[in-house]
Amino acid sequence: MEFWRANRFDYAAFERRTGLGLPVVEARLRYRVAARFDDELLVETWVSRASRASVWFEGVIRRGSDVLNESSIRLACASFSEGTIRKIPDELLDACLEPGHGI
């Protein structure tokens, strides 16, 4: 959600307005080192790939120079009412990708 907020995209409003959402359809996590209470962590998230119906978010959680966690999450666009996969609307792709993405 912070990724979209940083890109000035209101995901909750998008869901309400369109009836579409991005459920998680695949998740891969690799835990390397444990975090501890009150650790100051840096969370980095970016879009690594996108297609007309799916978007892949990659992430890394760091404590200083130590990598604690690496993740890859695939989200697919789906209609809540029909339960079917849909094409990701351009407004959502534009909030995820660089201008001129061409998808």
N, C-alpha and C. Protein backbone atom coordinates (compact mmCIF):
# COMPACT_ATOMS: atom_id res chain seq x y z
N MET A 1 0.83 -1.19 0.00
CA MET A 1 0.00 0.00 0.00
C MET A 1 0.87 1.25 0.00
N GLU A 2 1.97 1.20 0.73
CA GLU A 2 2.86 2.37 0.77
C GLU A 2 3.44 2.66 -0.60
N PHE A 3 3.68 1.60 -1.38
CA PHE A 3 4.19 1.78 -2.74
C PHE A 3 3.22 2.65 -3.53
N TRP A 4 1.91 2.32 -3.45
CA TRP A 4 0.92 3.09 -4.19
C TRP A 4 0.74 4.49 -3.61
N ARG A 5 0.76 4.61 -2.31
CA ARG A 5 0.67 5.94 -1.69
C ARG A 5 1.80 6.84 -2.18
N ALA A 6 3.00 6.27 -2.25
CA ALA A 6 4.15 7.04 -2.72
C ALA A 6 3.98 7.48 -4.17
N ASN A 7 3.20 6.73 -4.93
CA ASN A 7 2.92 7.07 -6.32
C ASN A 7 1.60 7.79 -6.49
N ARG A 8 1.05 8.27 -5.36
CA ARG A 8 -0.20 9.04 -5.33
C ARG A 8 -1.38 8.30 -5.96
N PHE A 9 -1.45 7.00 -5.65
CA PHE A 9 -2.55 6.17 -6.15
C PHE A 9 -3.33 5.65 -4.96
N ASP A 10 -4.64 5.89 -4.95
CA ASP A 10 -5.50 5.45 -3.86
C ASP A 10 -6.09 4.08 -4.22
N TYR A 11 -5.41 3.03 -3.78
CA TYR A 11 -5.83 1.67 -4.13
C TYR A 11 -7.21 1.34 -3.58
N ALA A 12 -7.51 1.73 -2.36
CA ALA A 12 -8.83 1.44 -1.77
C ALA A 12 -9.94 2.10 -2.59
N ALA A 13 -9.73 3.33 -3.02
CA ALA A 13 -10.73 4.01 -3.86
C ALA A 13 -10.86 3.31 -5.21
N PHE A 14 -9.75 2.83 -5.75
CA PHE A 14 -9.77 2.08 -7.01
C PHE A 14 -10.64 0.84 -6.87
N GLU A 15 -10.47 0.08 -5.78
CA GLU A 15 -11.29 -1.12 -5.55
C GLU A 15 -12.77 -0.77 -5.46
N ARG A 16 -13.10 0.25 -4.68
CA ARG A 16 -14.51 0.65 -4.52
C ARG A 16 -15.12 1.07 -5.84
N ARG A 17 -14.38 1.84 -6.61
CA ARG A 17 -14.90 2.40 -7.86
C ARG A 17 -15.04 1.34 -8.97
N THR A 18 -14.08 0.42 -9.07
CA THR A 18 -14.06 -0.52 -10.20
C THR A 18 -14.58 -1.91 -9.88
N GLY A 19 -14.59 -2.28 -8.60
CA GLY A 19 -14.95 -3.66 -8.25
C GLY A 19 -13.84 -4.65 -8.56
N LEU A 20 -12.64 -4.13 -8.88
CA LEU A 20 -11.49 -4.97 -9.18
C LEU A 20 -10.50 -4.91 -8.03
N GLY A 21 -9.72 -5.96 -7.90
CA GLY A 21 -8.69 -6.00 -6.87
C GLY A 21 -7.50 -6.80 -7.34
N LEU A 22 -6.48 -6.81 -6.52
CA LEU A 22 -5.25 -7.53 -6.84
C LEU A 22 -4.93 -8.56 -5.76
N PRO A 23 -5.60 -9.71 -5.77
CA PRO A 23 -5.28 -10.73 -4.79
C PRO A 23 -3.90 -11.34 -5.05
N VAL A 24 -3.26 -11.79 -3.99
CA VAL A 24 -1.98 -12.48 -4.11
C VAL A 24 -2.24 -13.86 -4.69
N VAL A 25 -1.54 -14.19 -5.78
CA VAL A 25 -1.69 -15.51 -6.39
C VAL A 25 -0.42 -16.35 -6.25
N GLU A 26 0.68 -15.71 -5.86
CA GLU A 26 1.93 -16.43 -5.66
C GLU A 26 2.81 -15.60 -4.73
N ALA A 27 3.46 -16.26 -3.79
CA ALA A 27 4.37 -15.56 -2.88
C ALA A 27 5.59 -16.43 -2.61
N ARG A 28 6.74 -15.83 -2.73
CA ARG A 28 8.00 -16.49 -2.40
C ARG A 28 8.74 -15.61 -1.42
N LEU A 29 9.11 -16.20 -0.29
CA LEU A 29 9.82 -15.46 0.75
C LEU A 29 11.08 -16.23 1.13
N ARG A 30 12.13 -15.49 1.34
CA ARG A 30 13.37 -16.10 1.82
C ARG A 30 13.82 -15.33 3.05
N TYR A 31 13.78 -16.00 4.17
CA TYR A 31 14.23 -15.41 5.43
C TYR A 31 15.69 -15.75 5.61
N ARG A 32 16.51 -14.73 5.81
CA ARG A 32 17.95 -14.94 5.96
C ARG A 32 18.42 -14.72 7.40
N VAL A 33 17.96 -13.64 8.00
CA VAL A 33 18.38 -13.27 9.35
C VAL A 33 17.15 -12.76 10.09
N ALA A 34 17.03 -13.08 11.36
CA ALA A 34 15.87 -12.64 12.15
C ALA A 34 15.99 -11.15 12.51
N ALA A 35 14.86 -10.49 12.49
CA ALA A 35 14.76 -9.13 13.03
C ALA A 35 14.45 -9.26 14.52
N ARG A 36 14.78 -8.23 15.26
CA ARG A 36 14.52 -8.20 16.70
C ARG A 36 13.66 -7.00 17.03
N PHE A 37 12.97 -7.08 18.14
CA PHE A 37 12.13 -5.98 18.58
C PHE A 37 12.94 -4.68 18.60
N ASP A 38 12.35 -3.65 18.07
CA ASP A 38 12.90 -2.30 18.04
C ASP A 38 14.06 -2.13 17.05
N ASP A 39 14.32 -3.12 16.18
CA ASP A 39 15.29 -2.93 15.11
C ASP A 39 14.79 -1.85 14.16
N GLU A 40 15.67 -1.04 13.67
CA GLU A 40 15.32 -0.09 12.61
C GLU A 40 15.55 -0.78 11.28
N LEU A 41 14.48 -0.95 10.51
CA LEU A 41 14.53 -1.71 9.27
C LEU A 41 14.24 -0.81 8.07
N LEU A 42 14.85 -1.15 6.97
CA LEU A 42 14.56 -0.48 5.69
C LEU A 42 13.83 -1.49 4.81
N VAL A 43 12.65 -1.12 4.34
CA VAL A 43 11.85 -1.98 3.47
C VAL A 43 11.84 -1.36 2.08
N GLU A 44 12.36 -2.10 1.11
CA GLU A 44 12.38 -1.63 -0.28
C GLU A 44 11.43 -2.51 -1.11
N THR A 45 10.61 -1.88 -1.93
CA THR A 45 9.66 -2.60 -2.77
C THR A 45 9.66 -1.99 -4.16
N TRP A 46 9.61 -2.84 -5.18
CA TRP A 46 9.56 -2.35 -6.55
C TRP A 46 8.84 -3.37 -7.42
N VAL A 47 8.37 -2.91 -8.57
CA VAL A 47 7.72 -3.79 -9.54
C VAL A 47 8.82 -4.32 -10.46
N SER A 48 8.92 -5.64 -10.55
CA SER A 48 9.95 -6.25 -11.40
C SER A 48 9.41 -6.64 -12.77
N ARG A 49 8.13 -6.98 -12.82
CA ARG A 49 7.50 -7.38 -14.09
C ARG A 49 6.03 -7.05 -14.04
N ALA A 50 5.46 -6.91 -15.21
CA ALA A 50 4.01 -6.72 -15.30
C ALA A 50 3.53 -7.26 -16.63
N SER A 51 2.34 -7.80 -16.62
CA SER A 51 1.67 -8.23 -17.85
C SER A 51 0.30 -7.57 -17.82
N ARG A 52 -0.54 -7.91 -18.74
CA ARG A 52 -1.87 -7.30 -18.77
C ARG A 52 -2.74 -7.73 -17.60
N ALA A 53 -2.44 -8.87 -16.97
CA ALA A 53 -3.30 -9.34 -15.88
C ALA A 53 -2.56 -9.53 -14.55
N SER A 54 -1.23 -9.46 -14.55
CA SER A 54 -0.46 -9.71 -13.34
C SER A 54 0.63 -8.66 -13.16
N VAL A 55 1.01 -8.48 -11.90
CA VAL A 55 2.13 -7.60 -11.58
C VAL A 55 2.95 -8.29 -10.48
N TRP A 56 4.27 -8.25 -10.62
CA TRP A 56 5.18 -8.89 -9.67
C TRP A 56 5.90 -7.80 -8.88
N PHE A 57 5.78 -7.88 -7.56
CA PHE A 57 6.48 -6.98 -6.65
C PHE A 57 7.64 -7.75 -6.04
N GLU A 58 8.80 -7.14 -6.02
CA GLU A 58 9.97 -7.70 -5.35
C GLU A 58 10.22 -6.85 -4.12
N GLY A 59 10.83 -7.44 -3.12
CA GLY A 59 11.11 -6.68 -1.92
C GLY A 59 12.32 -7.19 -1.17
N VAL A 60 12.94 -6.29 -0.44
CA VAL A 60 14.08 -6.62 0.41
C VAL A 60 13.89 -5.86 1.72
N ILE A 61 14.12 -6.55 2.82
CA ILE A 61 14.12 -5.90 4.13
C ILE A 61 15.55 -5.97 4.65
N ARG A 62 16.07 -4.80 5.06
CA ARG A 62 17.45 -4.71 5.53
C ARG A 62 17.51 -4.10 6.94
N ARG A 63 18.50 -4.51 7.65
CA ARG A 63 18.90 -3.87 8.91
C ARG A 63 20.35 -3.48 8.67
N GLY A 64 20.57 -2.18 8.44
CA GLY A 64 21.91 -1.75 8.05
C GLY A 64 22.28 -2.39 6.73
N SER A 65 23.43 -3.05 6.68
CA SER A 65 23.84 -3.70 5.43
C SER A 65 23.39 -5.16 5.37
N ASP A 66 22.77 -5.67 6.43
CA ASP A 66 22.31 -7.06 6.46
C ASP A 66 20.96 -7.21 5.78
N VAL A 67 20.86 -8.16 4.86
CA VAL A 67 19.58 -8.50 4.23
C VAL A 67 18.88 -9.51 5.12
N LEU A 68 17.69 -9.16 5.61
CA LEU A 68 16.93 -10.05 6.49
C LEU A 68 15.95 -10.92 5.72
N ASN A 69 15.38 -10.35 4.66
CA ASN A 69 14.30 -11.03 3.94
C ASN A 69 14.29 -10.57 2.50
N GLU A 70 14.02 -11.51 1.61
CA GLU A 70 13.80 -11.20 0.19
C GLU A 70 12.46 -11.79 -0.20
N SER A 71 11.70 -11.07 -1.01
CA SER A 71 10.37 -11.58 -1.37
C SER A 71 10.04 -11.30 -2.83
N SER A 72 9.16 -12.11 -3.35
CA SER A 72 8.59 -11.93 -4.68
C SER A 72 7.10 -12.27 -4.56
N ILE A 73 6.26 -11.31 -4.87
CA ILE A 73 4.81 -11.46 -4.72
C ILE A 73 4.16 -11.18 -6.07
N ARG A 74 3.34 -12.11 -6.53
CA ARG A 74 2.60 -11.92 -7.78
C ARG A 74 1.15 -11.63 -7.45
N LEU A 75 0.64 -10.54 -7.99
CA LEU A 75 -0.75 -10.16 -7.82
C LEU A 75 -1.44 -10.26 -9.18
N ALA A 76 -2.66 -10.74 -9.20
CA ALA A 76 -3.44 -10.83 -10.44
C ALA A 76 -4.67 -9.96 -10.29
N CYS A 77 -5.05 -9.31 -11.35
CA CYS A 77 -6.25 -8.47 -11.32
C CYS A 77 -7.48 -9.36 -11.43
N ALA A 78 -8.42 -9.16 -10.52
CA ALA A 78 -9.62 -10.00 -10.50
C ALA A 78 -10.85 -9.15 -10.22
N SER A 79 -11.97 -9.59 -10.78
CA SER A 79 -13.26 -8.98 -10.50
C SER A 79 -13.80 -9.61 -9.23
N PHE A 80 -14.13 -8.79 -8.22
CA PHE A 80 -14.67 -9.31 -6.97
C PHE A 80 -16.02 -9.99 -7.18
N SER A 81 -16.88 -9.38 -7.98
CA SER A 81 -18.23 -9.91 -8.14
C SER A 81 -18.29 -11.17 -8.98
N GLU A 82 -17.42 -11.27 -9.98
CA GLU A 82 -17.45 -12.42 -10.88
C GLU A 82 -16.41 -13.48 -10.53
N GLY A 83 -15.39 -13.09 -9.77
CA GLY A 83 -14.34 -14.04 -9.42
C GLY A 83 -13.50 -14.46 -10.61
N THR A 84 -13.36 -13.57 -11.59
CA THR A 84 -12.60 -13.88 -12.80
C THR A 84 -11.38 -12.96 -12.92
N ILE A 85 -10.38 -13.46 -13.61
CA ILE A 85 -9.19 -12.66 -13.89
C ILE A 85 -9.53 -11.62 -14.96
N ARG A 86 -9.03 -10.43 -14.77
CA ARG A 86 -9.30 -9.32 -15.68
C ARG A 86 -8.01 -8.64 -16.11
N LYS A 87 -8.09 -7.87 -17.16
CA LYS A 87 -7.00 -7.02 -17.61
C LYS A 87 -6.80 -5.91 -16.57
N ILE A 88 -5.55 -5.61 -16.23
CA ILE A 88 -5.27 -4.54 -15.28
C ILE A 88 -5.54 -3.20 -15.98
N PRO A 89 -6.40 -2.37 -15.40
CA PRO A 89 -6.66 -1.06 -16.01
C PRO A 89 -5.39 -0.21 -16.09
N ASP A 90 -5.32 0.61 -17.12
CA ASP A 90 -4.14 1.44 -17.35
C ASP A 90 -3.82 2.33 -16.15
N GLU A 91 -4.84 2.85 -15.46
CA GLU A 91 -4.56 3.73 -14.33
C GLU A 91 -3.78 3.01 -13.23
N LEU A 92 -4.03 1.72 -13.05
CA LEU A 92 -3.30 0.96 -12.06
C LEU A 92 -1.89 0.62 -12.56
N LEU A 93 -1.77 0.23 -13.82
CA LEU A 93 -0.45 -0.01 -14.39
C LEU A 93 0.40 1.24 -14.34
N ASP A 94 -0.20 2.38 -14.63
CA ASP A 94 0.53 3.65 -14.60
C ASP A 94 1.06 3.95 -13.20
N ALA A 95 0.34 3.52 -12.16
CA ALA A 95 0.79 3.75 -10.79
C ALA A 95 1.90 2.77 -10.39
N CYS A 96 2.06 1.69 -11.14
CA CYS A 96 3.07 0.67 -10.83
C CYS A 96 4.36 0.82 -11.65
N LEU A 97 4.23 1.34 -12.86
CA LEU A 97 5.34 1.30 -13.80
C LEU A 97 5.82 2.69 -14.21
N GLU A 98 6.97 2.72 -14.82
CA GLU A 98 7.53 3.97 -15.34
C GLU A 98 6.64 4.49 -16.48
N PRO A 99 6.61 5.80 -16.67
CA PRO A 99 5.86 6.36 -17.80
C PRO A 99 6.33 5.73 -19.12
N GLY A 100 5.37 5.49 -20.01
CA GLY A 100 5.69 4.90 -21.31
C GLY A 100 6.00 3.41 -21.25
N HIS A 101 5.41 2.72 -20.26
CA HIS A 101 5.70 1.31 -20.04
C HIS A 101 5.33 0.42 -21.22
N GLY A 102 4.35 0.80 -22.02
CA GLY A 102 4.02 0.05 -23.22
C GLY A 102 3.35 -1.29 -23.01
N ILE A 103 2.73 -1.52 -21.88
CA ILE A 103 2.02 -2.80 -21.67
C ILE A 103 0.58 -2.62 -22.08
